[in-house]
Protein backbone atom coordinates (compact mmCIF):
# COMPACT_ATOMS: atom_id res chain seq x y z
CA MET A 1 55.76 45.38 20.32
CA LYS A 2 53.21 48.19 19.86
CA GLN A 3 51.16 46.95 22.85
CA ILE A 4 54.29 46.77 24.99
CA LYS A 5 55.03 50.40 24.12
CA MET A 6 51.57 51.43 25.04
CA ASN A 7 51.78 49.66 28.41
CA LYS A 8 54.91 51.34 29.15
CA ARG A 9 53.33 54.68 28.40
CA LEU A 10 50.38 53.90 30.60
CA MET A 11 52.64 52.82 33.39
CA LEU A 12 54.55 56.01 33.31
CA ALA A 13 51.32 58.09 33.23
CA ILE A 14 49.98 56.26 36.28
CA ALA A 15 53.32 56.72 38.14
CA ALA A 16 53.20 60.47 37.37
CA LEU A 17 49.60 60.69 38.62
CA CYS A 18 50.52 58.83 41.76
CA PHE A 19 53.46 61.17 42.43
CA CYS A 20 51.31 64.25 41.99
CA ALA A 21 48.61 62.84 44.20
CA GLY A 22 51.20 61.95 46.81
CA THR A 23 52.77 65.40 46.62
CA MET A 24 49.34 67.02 47.10
CA ALA A 25 48.60 64.74 50.10
CA GLN A 26 51.80 65.67 51.66
CA LYS A 27 51.62 69.45 51.03
CA VAL A 28 53.07 71.35 53.99
CA ASN A 29 50.66 73.93 55.39
CA ASP A 30 49.05 74.96 58.72
CA VAL A 31 46.43 72.18 58.26
CA THR A 32 48.67 69.31 57.45
CA THR A 33 51.76 70.07 59.48
CA PRO A 34 52.55 71.49 62.94
CA LEU A 35 54.64 74.40 61.53
CA HIS A 36 55.96 75.41 64.96
CA LEU A 37 57.93 72.06 64.93
CA LEU A 38 59.74 72.69 61.67
CA GLN A 39 63.48 72.50 61.99
CA PRO A 40 64.97 76.04 61.64
CA GLU A 41 68.10 76.50 59.61
CA TYR A 42 70.35 77.61 62.51
CA PRO A 43 73.86 78.90 61.46
CA THR A 44 75.21 77.70 64.84
CA PRO A 45 74.33 74.24 66.32
CA TYR A 46 71.44 74.65 68.61
CA GLY A 47 70.84 72.91 71.81
CA LYS A 48 72.75 71.70 74.95
CA PRO A 49 76.22 70.58 74.08
CA ALA A 50 77.40 67.09 75.01
CA VAL A 51 80.25 66.56 77.44
CA ALA A 52 82.08 64.42 74.99
CA ASP A 53 81.87 67.05 72.22
CA ILE A 54 83.23 69.85 74.59
CA GLU A 55 86.12 67.62 75.75
CA ALA A 56 86.95 66.96 72.05
CA VAL A 57 87.28 70.68 71.44
CA LEU A 58 89.47 71.12 74.37
CA SER A 59 91.59 68.26 73.35
CA ARG A 60 92.16 69.77 69.98
CA VAL A 61 93.17 72.91 71.40
CA TYR A 62 95.67 71.09 73.84
CA ASP A 63 97.18 69.14 71.06
CA TYR A 64 97.90 72.23 68.97
CA LEU A 65 99.39 74.17 71.90
CA ALA A 66 101.43 71.26 73.24
CA ALA A 67 103.02 70.92 69.87
CA THR A 68 103.67 74.71 69.26
CA THR A 69 104.78 76.03 72.58
CA PRO A 70 108.07 74.21 73.50
CA PRO A 71 109.39 74.89 76.96
CA ALA A 72 113.08 75.13 76.13
CA LEU A 73 116.08 77.59 75.79
CA VAL A 74 118.13 77.79 72.63
CA ASP A 75 121.11 79.72 71.31
CA LYS A 76 119.77 82.28 68.91
CA THR A 77 122.70 82.08 66.66
CA THR A 78 123.00 78.33 66.33
CA GLY A 79 119.57 77.13 67.36
CA ALA A 80 121.16 74.57 69.62
CA GLU A 81 119.10 73.69 72.71
CA ILE A 82 120.72 74.74 76.04
CA THR A 83 120.12 72.25 78.79
CA ASP A 84 122.91 73.41 81.14
CA TYR A 85 121.42 76.71 82.45
CA THR A 86 124.71 77.82 83.84
CA LEU A 87 125.59 78.63 80.20
CA VAL A 88 122.71 81.25 79.80
CA ASN A 89 123.98 84.36 78.37
CA GLU A 90 122.96 87.42 76.10
CA ASN A 91 122.48 84.98 73.05
CA THR A 92 120.07 82.75 74.96
CA ILE A 93 116.39 82.91 73.82
CA MET A 94 113.21 80.84 74.38
CA LYS A 95 112.79 78.24 71.70
CA PRO A 96 110.64 79.79 69.13
CA GLY A 97 107.01 78.54 68.92
CA ASP A 98 103.59 80.09 67.96
CA PHE A 99 103.11 81.82 71.24
CA ARG A 100 105.07 83.41 74.17
CA LEU A 101 105.06 81.39 77.36
CA THR A 102 105.30 84.61 79.48
CA SER A 103 102.59 86.74 77.97
CA TYR A 104 99.53 87.77 79.90
CA GLU A 105 97.50 85.79 77.40
CA TRP A 106 99.52 82.77 78.43
CA GLY A 107 98.62 83.41 82.11
CA VAL A 108 94.93 83.03 81.04
CA THR A 109 95.99 79.81 79.02
CA TYR A 110 97.61 78.28 82.12
CA ALA A 111 94.51 78.97 84.08
CA GLY A 112 92.38 77.39 81.47
CA MET A 113 94.51 74.28 81.36
CA LEU A 114 94.21 73.99 85.09
CA LEU A 115 90.44 74.20 84.95
CA ALA A 116 90.36 71.70 82.08
CA ALA A 117 92.33 69.29 84.11
CA GLN A 118 89.92 69.64 86.96
CA GLN A 119 86.82 69.13 84.90
CA THR A 120 88.05 66.48 82.52
CA GLY A 121 90.15 64.54 85.03
CA ASP A 122 92.81 64.18 82.30
CA PRO A 123 96.22 64.93 83.73
CA LYS A 124 97.67 66.15 80.42
CA TYR A 125 96.29 69.64 80.94
CA ALA A 126 97.90 70.01 84.39
CA ASP A 127 101.15 68.50 83.01
CA TYR A 128 101.15 71.29 80.32
CA VAL A 129 101.22 73.93 83.10
CA SER A 130 103.65 72.05 85.28
CA LEU A 131 106.14 71.57 82.61
CA ARG A 132 106.16 75.11 81.43
CA LEU A 133 105.89 76.95 84.75
CA ASN A 134 108.67 74.89 86.32
CA PHE A 135 110.75 75.51 83.28
CA LEU A 136 110.15 79.28 83.54
CA ALA A 137 111.10 79.24 87.25
CA GLN A 138 114.41 77.60 86.27
CA ALA A 139 114.99 79.79 83.28
CA LEU A 140 114.29 82.97 85.21
CA LYS A 141 116.56 82.08 87.96
CA ALA A 142 119.37 81.33 85.40
CA PHE A 143 118.87 84.84 83.76
CA ALA A 144 118.86 86.49 87.08
CA GLU A 145 122.18 84.90 87.84
CA PHE A 146 123.46 85.88 84.38
CA GLU A 147 122.52 89.55 85.17
CA GLN A 148 124.70 89.60 88.26
CA GLY A 149 127.75 89.23 86.06
CA SER A 150 126.31 91.28 83.19
CA PRO A 151 124.17 93.96 84.75
CA ASP A 152 123.90 96.05 81.60
CA SER A 153 122.80 93.24 79.34
CA LYS A 154 119.24 93.12 78.21
CA HIS A 155 117.89 89.56 77.41
CA GLN A 156 114.66 88.21 76.06
CA LEU A 157 113.17 87.55 79.54
CA TYR A 158 114.24 91.00 81.09
CA PHE A 159 110.66 92.31 81.42
CA THR A 160 109.41 88.98 82.84
CA LEU A 161 111.95 89.36 85.56
CA HIS A 162 111.66 93.05 85.83
CA PRO A 163 108.03 93.95 84.96
CA HIS A 164 107.28 97.47 83.78
CA ALA A 165 103.62 97.20 83.07
CA LEU A 166 100.68 95.32 84.48
CA ASP A 167 100.69 93.20 81.27
CA ASP A 168 104.02 91.79 82.20
CA CYS A 169 102.94 90.21 85.41
CA GLY A 170 99.29 90.27 86.57
CA ALA A 171 97.72 87.37 84.71
CA LEU A 172 100.89 85.31 84.91
CA CYS A 173 101.08 85.89 88.56
CA ALA A 174 97.45 84.80 89.12
CA ALA A 175 98.20 81.58 87.22
CA MET A 176 101.34 80.81 89.23
CA ILE A 177 99.42 81.23 92.49
CA LYS A 178 96.71 78.89 91.22
CA ALA A 179 99.32 76.36 90.10
CA GLN A 180 101.14 76.71 93.45
CA LYS A 181 97.94 76.12 95.39
CA ALA A 182 97.05 73.16 93.21
CA GLY A 183 100.47 71.58 93.81
CA VAL A 184 100.99 71.63 90.07
CA ALA A 185 104.08 73.89 89.98
CA GLN A 186 106.98 74.53 92.39
CA GLY A 187 109.40 77.38 92.92
CA GLN A 188 107.09 80.18 91.92
CA ASP A 189 107.12 82.19 95.08
CA GLU A 190 110.05 84.47 94.25
CA MET A 191 108.32 85.59 91.02
CA ILE A 192 105.01 85.83 92.76
CA GLU A 193 106.57 88.17 95.31
CA THR A 194 108.14 90.30 92.49
CA TYR A 195 104.91 90.57 90.64
CA MET A 196 102.84 91.37 93.53
CA ASP A 197 105.36 94.05 94.70
CA TYR A 198 105.04 95.62 91.16
CA ILE A 199 101.17 95.56 91.21
CA SER A 200 100.90 96.87 94.74
CA ASN A 201 103.82 99.34 94.97
CA GLN A 202 105.24 100.22 91.45
CA GLU A 203 102.42 100.53 88.92
CA PHE A 204 101.27 104.00 88.39
CA ARG A 205 98.05 105.07 90.07
CA LEU A 206 95.75 108.00 90.26
CA ASP A 207 95.40 109.98 93.45
CA ASP A 208 92.67 107.75 94.84
CA GLY A 209 94.75 104.64 94.22
CA THR A 210 93.20 103.51 91.02
CA LEU A 211 95.64 101.64 88.83
CA ALA A 212 96.26 103.70 85.62
CA ARG A 213 98.68 104.19 82.77
CA ASN A 214 100.18 107.27 80.98
CA ARG A 215 99.33 106.01 77.52
CA PRO A 216 97.89 106.86 75.04
CA GLN A 217 97.11 109.90 77.16
CA PRO A 218 98.21 110.88 80.70
CA ASN A 219 96.14 109.43 83.58
CA ALA A 220 94.41 106.74 81.45
CA ILE A 221 92.39 104.01 82.95
CA TRP A 222 92.16 100.86 80.80
CA LEU A 223 89.32 98.50 81.45
CA ASP A 224 91.75 95.69 80.55
CA ASP A 225 93.79 96.49 83.71
CA LEU A 226 91.09 95.17 85.97
CA PHE A 227 92.02 91.68 84.76
CA MET A 228 95.75 92.47 84.68
CA ALA A 229 95.65 93.23 88.42
CA VAL A 230 92.55 92.22 90.37
CA PRO A 231 92.72 88.38 89.92
CA ALA A 232 96.36 88.40 91.06
CA LEU A 233 95.42 90.60 94.12
CA ALA A 234 92.47 88.19 94.82
CA GLN A 235 94.62 85.18 94.66
CA MET A 236 97.31 86.63 96.68
CA GLY A 237 94.83 87.50 99.36
CA SER A 238 93.61 83.90 99.50
CA TYR A 239 97.27 82.54 99.24
CA SER A 240 98.86 84.76 101.81
CA GLY A 241 95.92 85.33 104.18
CA ASP A 242 96.65 89.09 104.03
CA THR A 243 93.41 90.84 103.57
CA GLN A 244 95.09 94.09 102.28
CA TYR A 245 95.09 92.32 98.85
CA PHE A 246 91.32 91.79 99.02
CA ASP A 247 90.88 95.49 99.99
CA ASP A 248 92.84 96.64 97.03
CA ALA A 249 91.05 94.23 94.62
CA VAL A 250 87.64 95.34 95.65
CA ALA A 251 88.56 99.01 95.64
CA GLN A 252 90.00 98.73 92.15
CA LEU A 253 86.88 97.13 90.81
CA LEU A 254 84.46 99.67 92.41
CA GLN A 255 86.64 102.69 91.52
CA VAL A 256 86.90 101.66 87.92
CA SER A 257 83.19 100.88 87.60
CA GLY A 258 82.23 104.12 89.12
CA ARG A 259 84.01 105.97 86.20
CA MET A 260 83.44 103.44 83.32
CA PHE A 261 80.20 101.43 83.86
CA ASN A 262 77.25 102.61 81.93
CA PRO A 263 74.27 101.46 84.18
CA ASP A 264 71.73 102.08 81.38
CA LYS A 265 73.41 99.72 79.03
CA GLY A 266 75.00 97.36 81.51
CA LEU A 267 78.30 97.79 79.75
CA PHE A 268 81.78 99.25 80.38
CA MET A 269 83.54 101.78 78.23
CA HIS A 270 87.01 100.65 77.20
CA GLY A 271 89.15 103.70 78.17
CA TRP A 272 88.77 106.66 80.50
CA ILE A 273 91.15 109.69 80.40
CA GLN A 274 91.21 111.91 83.40
CA GLY A 275 91.80 115.04 81.49
CA MET A 276 88.69 114.64 79.26
CA ASP A 277 85.57 116.69 79.84
CA GLU A 278 83.61 114.12 78.04
CA HIS A 279 84.33 110.39 77.94
CA PRO A 280 83.63 108.64 74.68
CA GLN A 281 82.03 105.25 75.17
CA PHE A 282 83.44 102.50 72.93
CA HIS A 283 82.17 99.20 74.46
CA TRP A 284 84.94 96.97 73.21
CA GLY A 285 84.00 93.24 73.45
CA ARG A 286 87.20 91.78 74.91
CA ALA A 287 87.72 94.57 77.47
CA ASN A 288 84.24 93.86 78.73
CA GLY A 289 85.26 90.22 78.84
CA TRP A 290 88.24 91.04 81.03
CA ALA A 291 85.96 92.96 83.39
CA VAL A 292 83.24 90.28 83.69
CA MET A 293 85.96 87.58 84.21
CA THR A 294 87.64 89.72 86.91
CA MET A 295 84.44 89.73 88.84
CA VAL A 296 83.85 85.95 88.84
CA GLU A 297 87.56 85.51 89.67
CA LEU A 298 87.37 87.91 92.66
CA LEU A 299 84.22 86.30 93.85
CA GLU A 300 85.87 82.86 93.79
CA VAL A 301 88.15 83.69 96.58
CA LEU A 302 86.58 86.72 98.32
CA PRO A 303 85.14 85.55 101.77
CA PRO A 304 81.36 85.50 101.80
CA ASP A 305 80.97 88.22 104.33
CA TYR A 306 83.76 90.49 103.11
CA ALA A 307 83.09 94.21 102.86
CA GLY A 308 82.09 95.10 99.31
CA ARG A 309 81.32 91.61 98.18
CA ASP A 310 77.74 92.43 97.70
CA GLN A 311 78.54 95.34 95.53
CA VAL A 312 80.79 93.15 93.33
CA LEU A 313 78.00 90.51 93.01
CA ASP A 314 75.46 93.26 92.11
CA LEU A 315 77.81 94.65 89.51
CA LEU A 316 78.30 91.27 88.02
CA ARG A 317 74.64 90.62 87.69
CA ARG A 318 74.06 94.02 85.98
CA HIS A 319 76.99 93.46 83.67
CA ILE A 320 75.77 90.00 82.64
CA ARG A 321 72.31 91.35 81.91
CA GLY A 322 73.89 94.03 79.77
CA LEU A 323 75.99 91.45 77.88
CA ALA A 324 72.90 89.21 77.39
CA ASN A 325 71.05 92.04 75.77
CA CYS A 326 73.84 92.30 73.14
CA GLN A 327 74.24 88.69 72.06
CA HIS A 328 73.82 88.06 68.33
CA GLY A 329 71.52 85.42 67.02
CA THR A 330 74.49 83.23 66.12
CA GLY A 331 75.62 83.11 69.71
CA PHE A 332 78.56 85.50 69.31
CA TRP A 333 79.07 89.04 70.41
CA HIS A 334 80.21 91.88 68.33
CA GLN A 335 83.59 93.56 68.52
CA LEU A 336 81.87 96.70 69.68
CA LEU A 337 79.04 95.25 71.66
CA ASP A 338 76.37 97.77 70.95
CA ARG A 339 77.21 98.20 67.23
CA ASN A 340 75.66 95.45 65.31
CA ASP A 341 77.53 96.27 62.04
CA SER A 342 80.88 95.53 63.68
CA TYR A 343 82.16 92.03 63.17
CA LEU A 344 81.44 88.94 65.47
CA GLU A 345 84.52 88.18 67.62
CA THR A 346 85.57 84.90 69.20
CA SER A 347 87.72 85.70 72.30
CA ALA A 348 85.09 87.98 73.80
CA THR A 349 82.36 85.33 73.25
CA ALA A 350 84.64 82.69 74.85
CA ILE A 351 85.22 84.93 77.93
CA TYR A 352 81.58 85.66 78.33
CA THR A 353 80.72 81.88 78.05
CA TYR A 354 83.22 81.16 80.81
CA ALA A 355 82.11 83.97 83.12
CA ILE A 356 78.36 83.41 82.64
CA ALA A 357 78.60 79.71 82.95
CA ARG A 358 80.65 80.02 86.19
CA ALA A 359 77.98 82.55 87.48
CA ILE A 360 75.29 80.02 86.97
CA ASN A 361 77.42 77.20 88.48
CA ARG A 362 78.10 79.26 91.51
CA GLY A 363 74.50 80.43 91.89
CA TYR A 364 75.02 83.98 91.11
CA VAL A 365 72.56 84.20 88.30
CA ASP A 366 69.63 81.91 87.32
CA ALA A 367 70.15 78.98 84.94
CA LYS A 368 66.74 79.19 83.56
CA VAL A 369 67.40 82.78 82.49
CA TYR A 370 71.04 82.44 81.26
CA GLY A 371 71.60 78.70 80.52
CA PRO A 372 70.19 78.74 77.04
CA MET A 373 72.17 81.78 75.88
CA VAL A 374 75.39 80.47 77.21
CA CYS A 375 74.79 76.93 75.54
CA LEU A 376 74.28 78.99 72.25
CA ALA A 377 77.52 80.91 73.03
CA TRP A 378 79.63 77.81 73.65
CA ASN A 379 78.29 76.20 70.38
CA ALA A 380 79.38 79.40 68.57
CA VAL A 381 82.84 79.23 70.15
CA ALA A 382 83.31 75.71 69.38
CA SER A 383 82.55 76.32 65.69
CA LYS A 384 85.69 78.44 65.54
CA VAL A 385 88.11 75.85 66.80
CA ASN A 386 89.47 74.39 63.53
CA ASP A 387 90.72 70.89 62.84
CA LYS A 388 94.23 71.86 63.84
CA GLY A 389 93.11 73.24 67.23
CA GLN A 390 93.57 76.83 66.24
CA VAL A 391 91.04 79.44 67.41
CA GLU A 392 89.69 81.50 64.56
CA GLY A 393 88.10 84.92 64.57
CA THR A 394 90.01 86.54 67.57
CA CYS A 395 90.91 90.11 67.40
CA VAL A 396 94.70 90.88 67.76
CA GLY A 397 95.99 92.95 70.56
CA THR A 398 94.26 96.24 70.83
CA GLY A 399 95.03 99.57 72.40
CA MET A 400 92.66 102.35 73.45
CA GLY A 401 90.89 104.30 70.73
CA PHE A 402 88.28 107.10 70.52
CA ASP A 403 86.93 106.55 67.12
CA PRO A 404 84.84 103.57 65.73
CA ALA A 405 87.09 102.81 62.79
CA PHE A 406 89.93 101.85 65.28
CA TYR A 407 87.80 99.04 66.60
CA TYR A 408 85.87 98.01 63.53
CA TYR A 409 88.81 97.17 61.51
CA ARG A 410 91.23 95.55 63.96
CA PRO A 411 92.48 92.43 62.33
CA VAL A 412 91.72 88.86 63.37
CA ASN A 413 94.27 86.12 63.44
CA VAL A 414 94.70 82.50 64.64
CA TYR A 415 97.95 83.52 66.25
CA ALA A 416 96.18 86.16 68.38
CA ALA A 417 96.96 84.54 71.77
CA HIS A 418 94.10 86.08 73.41
CA GLY A 419 91.64 83.29 72.21
CA TYR A 420 93.09 80.19 73.58
CA GLY A 421 92.94 80.47 77.31
CA PRO A 422 89.32 81.74 77.12
CA VAL A 423 88.24 78.79 74.97
CA LEU A 424 89.80 76.33 77.50
CA LEU A 425 88.13 78.13 80.43
CA ALA A 426 84.82 78.33 78.52
CA GLY A 427 84.76 74.62 77.71
CA ALA A 428 85.79 73.41 81.12
CA GLU A 429 83.08 75.59 82.77
CA MET A 430 80.55 74.40 80.35
CA MET A 431 81.36 70.79 81.17
CA GLU A 432 80.32 71.47 84.75
CA LEU A 433 77.22 73.31 83.63
CA VAL A 434 76.16 70.42 81.44
CA LYS A 435 76.89 67.81 84.04
CA THR A 436 74.95 69.56 86.90
CA THR A 437 71.91 71.03 85.32
CA ASP A 438 68.72 69.73 83.87
CA SER A 439 68.15 71.10 80.43
CA ARG A 440 66.43 69.82 77.35
CA ILE A 441 64.52 70.84 74.25
CA ASN A 442 60.81 71.65 74.94
CA ASP A 443 58.65 73.00 72.22
CA SER A 444 61.71 73.45 70.09
CA SER A 445 63.64 75.71 72.50
CA VAL A 446 66.47 75.05 75.10
CA GLN A 447 65.02 75.12 78.54
CA PHE A 448 66.70 74.88 81.92
CA TYR A 449 64.82 73.40 84.87
CA ASP A 450 65.20 73.37 88.66
CA GLN A 451 66.82 70.16 89.82
C-alpha cells in the first residue's frame, strides 16, 4: 500500500513537471509567436458581413414591423375595425400600433422596404409597402369625402391630407413616387400632387428661395429639411419629366451647403438662423445623415450631364471624407460627430452605412478606401437589432439647439421611428456591396480589391 502511495506521488510530480515544461515551451512572445496575427478583442464583429447574415437582420426588422404597424381604421370609442370607408367620421382613427404609417420616418421605412425587396428578391418587403400605401390612398380619400360634409372637423389624418410642414409630406411623397414607379402601389398621384404643391409653392422660403422655417427662431434653416424636400423634388423630376424639380433640388442643396457646410471638417452644422451674427456649429449625427442621404438620392435620378451635378458629387465626396474622419473604433458615430464624449447613436450610423455603401456601389467613391469602414459600420448597426427586430440606440426626435447639453442628453428609445428605415436601407445596400466587390482579410485587416 505504501508503495502504491509513493507511485501516485511520483506520477503527480512527473505530470506537474511536464505541464510546466509544456507551458514554458508554449510561452507566447515575439520569438515563439507571430504577435501581429493574434486575434484582437473587437467589441464589434470584424470583417466582411455575409449576405445571409444581413438578410437575417432585415427579416427580423420586417417581422417586427409587419406585426406592429397594422393598416386598418377603427372606431376610437369602441375599437371596432371599420371596413366600410363610407362610415368614416370624426371618431375614426388608425388602428394603434408601435409607429405611425404617415410619418416622415415611415416614408424612409417604405423606401427601405422597397430596396430590401429589390436586393433580397423576397416579395414580402414590397408587399409591406403595397398593403400600407394602398390602404392610405383609400383612407385619405374617405377622409377627404368626410370633410366635404363636415368641413370644420379635425381628424387624425388631417395634416396628412393638408400638410403644414415639410415633415408632413416630403419623405412620404418620395416613397409614394418610388412605389408608383416600381408598380408596387396605385392611386398615389393625387397625394403626390398635393405634397409637391406644398413643397414647391407653400412651404416658407427665404428671399433666395431656400426652404426654411420660423421655428425655433425666425428664418431658420434646418439641415433636416434637405431630406424632407430634395428627394421628393428629385423623384418628381424623374417621374414627371419636368426639369424645374431638378433645378429646385440642386439649388436647395447648394444654397444650404453654402451656409451650413464646414469645409475644414467636412461636416454640416445642424441649424442656421438668418438673424445671427455668428452661427454655432453643432454637428448633429442624424441631421448629417439626412444631408448625405439627400445627395445620394439626388444623384440617383439626376441626369449625368445636368447642371450642378458635378458640384453635388464633389460635395458628397467631401462630406463622406468628413464623416469617415469621425467614425468611432466600434464602427458607430457619435451623437455630436466631433465630440467623442457624446454617445454613440444607431440611426445616424445606419444612414451613413447606406449612403456610403451606395456611393461605393455607384462608383462615386473608392471601395478600397471606404469599403472597410462601411463593413465595420454595418456590423455595428446589426448589433443593435435585437431578437424582436427592434432597433436599439436611436435618438428620439430632435429639434434645433445651440448648446451641447441639448444634444448630449437626448433620450434613445426602441420606439424612435427614425432607426427602422435606415437599417433596412443600409442592409439592402450592403447586400449589393458584398455581392459585387472582392474583399477579404489580409494580414488581419479588411481589404477591398479591384475586380
